[in-house]
Amino acid sequence: MASKVAIIVLLGIALCLISTDAVVRLPRQRRCRCFNLANNLSPDMRIKNVKIFFKQGLCSKVEIVVNLNSGRRMCLNPDSKMGKKMINFMKTKPRSN
C-alpha cells in the first residue's frame, strides 16, 4: 500500500516538474519599448540604425526605435510627419542580407 502511494506521489511530482518546465519555455509576450516619443530628429544626429516594431504581443502600437552613433536610443512618434516618412522609407528600402 505504501509503495502505491509513493509511486502516485512521484508521478505527481514528475508531472508538476514537466508542466513547470513547459510554462518556463513559452515565449514571453513583448511589451512596449517606447514611452517618451520625439516628433523630430535634429539634422546633426547621426543615425546608426532604425528598427520599426509593428503591433505585437502586449504592445498595441507601432514603435520606431532610432539608435544613434552616440549610443543614445530615441523613440520616434509614428504619427508625426518624420515618423510617417521613416515608415514609408523603411517599407520601400530594399532589404540587405
N, C-alpha and C. Protein backbone atom coordinates (compact mmCIF):
# COMPACT_ATOMS: atom_id res chain seq x y z
N MET A 1 0.82 -1.19 0.00
CA MET A 1 0.00 0.00 0.00
C MET A 1 0.87 1.26 0.00
N ALA A 2 1.90 1.27 0.83
CA ALA A 2 2.79 2.42 0.91
C ALA A 2 3.54 2.62 -0.40
N SER A 3 3.88 1.52 -1.08
CA SER A 3 4.59 1.65 -2.36
C SER A 3 3.69 2.26 -3.43
N LYS A 4 2.40 1.96 -3.40
CA LYS A 4 1.46 2.56 -4.36
C LYS A 4 1.33 4.06 -4.13
N VAL A 5 1.27 4.45 -2.88
CA VAL A 5 1.19 5.88 -2.54
C VAL A 5 2.47 6.59 -2.97
N ALA A 6 3.61 5.97 -2.74
CA ALA A 6 4.89 6.57 -3.13
C ALA A 6 4.97 6.74 -4.64
N ILE A 7 4.49 5.76 -5.39
CA ILE A 7 4.50 5.85 -6.86
C ILE A 7 3.59 6.98 -7.33
N ILE A 8 2.42 7.09 -6.74
CA ILE A 8 1.48 8.16 -7.12
C ILE A 8 2.07 9.53 -6.80
N VAL A 9 2.71 9.66 -5.64
CA VAL A 9 3.34 10.92 -5.26
C VAL A 9 4.48 11.26 -6.23
N LEU A 10 5.30 10.29 -6.57
CA LEU A 10 6.40 10.53 -7.52
C LEU A 10 5.88 10.92 -8.90
N LEU A 11 4.81 10.27 -9.35
CA LEU A 11 4.21 10.64 -10.64
C LEU A 11 3.66 12.06 -10.60
N GLY A 12 3.05 12.42 -9.48
CA GLY A 12 2.54 13.79 -9.33
C GLY A 12 3.64 14.82 -9.38
N ILE A 13 4.74 14.53 -8.69
CA ILE A 13 5.89 15.45 -8.71
C ILE A 13 6.47 15.55 -10.11
N ALA A 14 6.59 14.43 -10.81
CA ALA A 14 7.12 14.44 -12.18
C ALA A 14 6.23 15.27 -13.09
N LEU A 15 4.92 15.13 -12.98
CA LEU A 15 4.01 15.91 -13.81
C LEU A 15 4.12 17.40 -13.52
N CYS A 16 4.28 17.74 -12.24
CA CYS A 16 4.45 19.15 -11.88
C CYS A 16 5.73 19.72 -12.48
N LEU A 17 6.81 18.97 -12.42
CA LEU A 17 8.08 19.43 -12.98
C LEU A 17 8.00 19.59 -14.49
N ILE A 18 7.34 18.66 -15.16
CA ILE A 18 7.20 18.73 -16.61
C ILE A 18 6.36 19.94 -17.01
N SER A 19 5.24 20.16 -16.33
CA SER A 19 4.37 21.28 -16.69
C SER A 19 5.04 22.61 -16.36
N THR A 20 5.80 22.70 -15.28
CA THR A 20 6.52 23.92 -14.94
C THR A 20 7.57 24.23 -15.99
N ASP A 21 8.28 23.23 -16.45
CA ASP A 21 9.30 23.42 -17.49
C ASP A 21 8.65 23.91 -18.77
N ALA A 22 7.48 23.40 -19.11
CA ALA A 22 6.79 23.83 -20.33
C ALA A 22 6.36 25.28 -20.22
N VAL A 23 5.92 25.72 -19.06
CA VAL A 23 5.50 27.11 -18.87
C VAL A 23 6.68 28.04 -18.98
N VAL A 24 7.83 27.65 -18.43
CA VAL A 24 9.02 28.49 -18.49
C VAL A 24 9.48 28.68 -19.93
N ARG A 25 9.30 27.69 -20.77
CA ARG A 25 9.78 27.76 -22.15
C ARG A 25 8.84 28.51 -23.10
N LEU A 26 7.66 28.89 -22.64
CA LEU A 26 6.74 29.64 -23.50
C LEU A 26 7.37 30.99 -23.85
N PRO A 27 7.19 31.45 -25.09
CA PRO A 27 7.76 32.75 -25.45
C PRO A 27 7.10 33.87 -24.65
N ARG A 28 7.89 34.81 -24.22
CA ARG A 28 7.36 35.93 -23.45
C ARG A 28 6.72 36.93 -24.40
N GLN A 29 5.59 37.44 -24.00
CA GLN A 29 4.93 38.45 -24.82
C GLN A 29 5.69 39.75 -24.66
N ARG A 30 5.78 40.49 -25.75
CA ARG A 30 6.56 41.72 -25.73
C ARG A 30 5.73 42.89 -25.26
N ARG A 31 6.36 43.71 -24.47
CA ARG A 31 5.73 44.93 -24.01
C ARG A 31 6.25 46.07 -24.86
N CYS A 32 5.61 47.21 -24.72
CA CYS A 32 6.04 48.38 -25.49
C CYS A 32 7.44 48.81 -25.08
N ARG A 33 8.21 49.25 -26.05
CA ARG A 33 9.58 49.70 -25.81
C ARG A 33 9.63 51.21 -25.59
N CYS A 34 8.68 51.92 -26.17
CA CYS A 34 8.74 53.39 -26.20
C CYS A 34 7.68 54.02 -25.31
N PHE A 35 8.12 54.97 -24.50
CA PHE A 35 7.18 55.72 -23.66
C PHE A 35 7.29 57.21 -23.94
N ASN A 36 8.51 57.71 -24.13
CA ASN A 36 8.72 59.11 -24.48
C ASN A 36 8.97 59.19 -25.98
N LEU A 37 8.10 59.89 -26.69
CA LEU A 37 8.20 59.94 -28.15
C LEU A 37 8.68 61.31 -28.61
N ALA A 38 9.59 61.31 -29.56
CA ALA A 38 10.06 62.54 -30.19
C ALA A 38 9.33 62.70 -31.52
N ASN A 39 9.00 63.93 -31.87
CA ASN A 39 8.33 64.18 -33.15
C ASN A 39 9.31 64.41 -34.28
N ASN A 40 10.52 64.83 -33.95
CA ASN A 40 11.54 65.14 -34.96
C ASN A 40 12.91 64.65 -34.51
N LEU A 41 13.78 64.51 -35.48
CA LEU A 41 15.20 64.26 -35.21
C LEU A 41 15.95 65.47 -35.71
N SER A 42 16.93 65.93 -34.96
CA SER A 42 17.68 67.09 -35.43
C SER A 42 18.67 66.65 -36.51
N PRO A 43 18.99 67.55 -37.44
CA PRO A 43 19.87 67.20 -38.56
C PRO A 43 21.27 66.74 -38.15
N ASP A 44 21.74 67.17 -36.97
CA ASP A 44 23.10 66.80 -36.56
C ASP A 44 23.17 65.43 -35.89
N MET A 45 22.03 64.77 -35.70
CA MET A 45 22.03 63.43 -35.10
C MET A 45 22.48 62.41 -36.12
N ARG A 46 23.46 61.62 -35.76
CA ARG A 46 23.98 60.57 -36.65
C ARG A 46 23.26 59.27 -36.33
N ILE A 47 22.45 58.81 -37.28
CA ILE A 47 21.65 57.60 -37.07
C ILE A 47 22.49 56.37 -37.37
N LYS A 48 22.54 55.46 -36.41
CA LYS A 48 23.23 54.18 -36.58
C LYS A 48 22.30 53.18 -37.26
N ASN A 49 21.09 53.02 -36.71
CA ASN A 49 20.09 52.15 -37.33
C ASN A 49 18.70 52.51 -36.84
N VAL A 50 17.73 52.02 -37.56
CA VAL A 50 16.32 52.27 -37.23
C VAL A 50 15.61 50.93 -37.23
N LYS A 51 14.81 50.69 -36.22
CA LYS A 51 14.01 49.47 -36.16
C LYS A 51 12.55 49.87 -35.96
N ILE A 52 11.69 49.27 -36.76
CA ILE A 52 10.26 49.52 -36.64
C ILE A 52 9.60 48.25 -36.14
N PHE A 53 8.85 48.39 -35.06
CA PHE A 53 8.13 47.27 -34.46
C PHE A 53 6.64 47.52 -34.64
N PHE A 54 5.99 46.62 -35.35
CA PHE A 54 4.55 46.77 -35.56
C PHE A 54 3.82 46.16 -34.37
N LYS A 55 2.53 46.36 -34.31
CA LYS A 55 1.72 45.89 -33.18
C LYS A 55 1.96 44.41 -32.94
N GLN A 56 2.28 44.07 -31.69
CA GLN A 56 2.54 42.67 -31.35
C GLN A 56 2.43 42.47 -29.84
N GLY A 57 2.08 41.28 -29.45
CA GLY A 57 2.03 40.92 -28.04
C GLY A 57 1.21 41.88 -27.20
N LEU A 58 1.81 42.40 -26.16
CA LEU A 58 1.12 43.31 -25.25
C LEU A 58 1.19 44.77 -25.68
N CYS A 59 1.89 45.06 -26.76
CA CYS A 59 2.00 46.44 -27.24
C CYS A 59 1.10 46.62 -28.46
N SER A 60 0.14 47.51 -28.33
CA SER A 60 -0.85 47.67 -29.40
C SER A 60 -0.56 48.88 -30.28
N LYS A 61 0.70 49.28 -30.36
CA LYS A 61 1.04 50.43 -31.20
C LYS A 61 2.31 50.18 -32.00
N VAL A 62 2.47 50.93 -33.07
CA VAL A 62 3.68 50.86 -33.89
C VAL A 62 4.76 51.67 -33.17
N GLU A 63 5.98 51.12 -33.12
CA GLU A 63 7.08 51.82 -32.46
C GLU A 63 8.26 51.95 -33.41
N ILE A 64 8.85 53.13 -33.42
CA ILE A 64 10.05 53.39 -34.23
C ILE A 64 11.19 53.69 -33.27
N VAL A 65 12.17 52.79 -33.23
CA VAL A 65 13.32 52.95 -32.34
C VAL A 65 14.52 53.36 -33.19
N VAL A 66 15.09 54.52 -32.87
CA VAL A 66 16.23 55.06 -33.60
C VAL A 66 17.46 54.98 -32.68
N ASN A 67 18.46 54.24 -33.11
CA ASN A 67 19.73 54.15 -32.37
C ASN A 67 20.73 55.10 -33.02
N LEU A 68 21.34 55.94 -32.21
CA LEU A 68 22.29 56.92 -32.71
C LEU A 68 23.72 56.43 -32.51
N ASN A 69 24.64 56.98 -33.29
CA ASN A 69 26.06 56.61 -33.17
C ASN A 69 26.61 56.92 -31.78
N SER A 70 26.02 57.89 -31.11
CA SER A 70 26.47 58.27 -29.77
C SER A 70 26.10 57.24 -28.71
N GLY A 71 25.28 56.24 -29.10
CA GLY A 71 24.83 55.23 -28.15
C GLY A 71 23.45 55.53 -27.58
N ARG A 72 22.96 56.71 -27.86
CA ARG A 72 21.64 57.11 -27.37
C ARG A 72 20.55 56.42 -28.18
N ARG A 73 19.45 56.11 -27.52
CA ARG A 73 18.31 55.49 -28.18
C ARG A 73 17.12 56.42 -28.06
N MET A 74 16.43 56.65 -29.18
CA MET A 74 15.26 57.52 -29.18
C MET A 74 14.08 56.78 -29.79
N CYS A 75 12.90 57.19 -29.38
CA CYS A 75 11.69 56.65 -29.98
C CYS A 75 11.01 57.77 -30.74
N LEU A 76 10.72 57.50 -31.99
CA LEU A 76 10.10 58.49 -32.86
C LEU A 76 8.60 58.23 -32.92
N ASN A 77 7.82 59.29 -32.81
CA ASN A 77 6.37 59.20 -32.86
C ASN A 77 5.95 58.75 -34.26
N PRO A 78 5.30 57.58 -34.40
CA PRO A 78 4.92 57.09 -35.73
C PRO A 78 3.83 57.92 -36.40
N ASP A 79 3.13 58.76 -35.62
CA ASP A 79 2.09 59.61 -36.19
C ASP A 79 2.61 60.98 -36.60
N SER A 80 3.85 61.29 -36.26
CA SER A 80 4.44 62.58 -36.66
C SER A 80 4.83 62.53 -38.13
N LYS A 81 5.07 63.70 -38.69
CA LYS A 81 5.47 63.79 -40.10
C LYS A 81 6.76 63.00 -40.35
N MET A 82 7.74 63.17 -39.46
CA MET A 82 9.02 62.46 -39.58
C MET A 82 8.81 60.95 -39.42
N GLY A 83 7.95 60.55 -38.48
CA GLY A 83 7.68 59.13 -38.26
C GLY A 83 7.05 58.48 -39.49
N LYS A 84 6.11 59.17 -40.11
CA LYS A 84 5.46 58.63 -41.32
C LYS A 84 6.46 58.51 -42.46
N LYS A 85 7.35 59.51 -42.59
CA LYS A 85 8.38 59.44 -43.63
C LYS A 85 9.32 58.25 -43.38
N MET A 86 9.67 58.03 -42.11
CA MET A 86 10.58 56.94 -41.76
C MET A 86 9.93 55.59 -42.09
N ILE A 87 8.65 55.43 -41.75
CA ILE A 87 7.95 54.17 -42.04
C ILE A 87 7.88 53.94 -43.54
N ASN A 88 7.53 54.97 -44.31
CA ASN A 88 7.46 54.82 -45.77
C ASN A 88 8.82 54.49 -46.36
N PHE A 89 9.87 55.14 -45.85
CA PHE A 89 11.22 54.86 -46.34
C PHE A 89 11.61 53.42 -46.07
N MET A 90 11.34 52.95 -44.85
CA MET A 90 11.72 51.58 -44.49
C MET A 90 10.92 50.55 -45.28
N LYS A 91 9.68 50.87 -45.64
CA LYS A 91 8.86 49.94 -46.43
C LYS A 91 9.38 49.82 -47.85
N THR A 92 9.90 50.91 -48.41
CA THR A 92 10.34 50.90 -49.80
C THR A 92 11.82 50.55 -49.95
N LYS A 93 12.57 50.61 -48.86
CA LYS A 93 14.01 50.32 -48.90
C LYS A 93 14.23 48.84 -49.20
N PRO A 94 15.11 48.51 -50.15
CA PRO A 94 15.40 47.09 -50.40
C PRO A 94 16.10 46.48 -49.20
N ARG A 95 15.74 45.25 -48.89
CA ARG A 95 16.34 44.57 -47.74
C ARG A 95 17.72 44.05 -48.10
N SER A 96 18.66 44.24 -47.17
CA SER A 96 20.01 43.71 -47.38
C SER A 96 20.19 42.49 -46.51
N ASN A 97 20.98 41.54 -46.97
CA ASN A 97 21.20 40.29 -46.21
C ASN A 97 22.40 40.39 -45.35
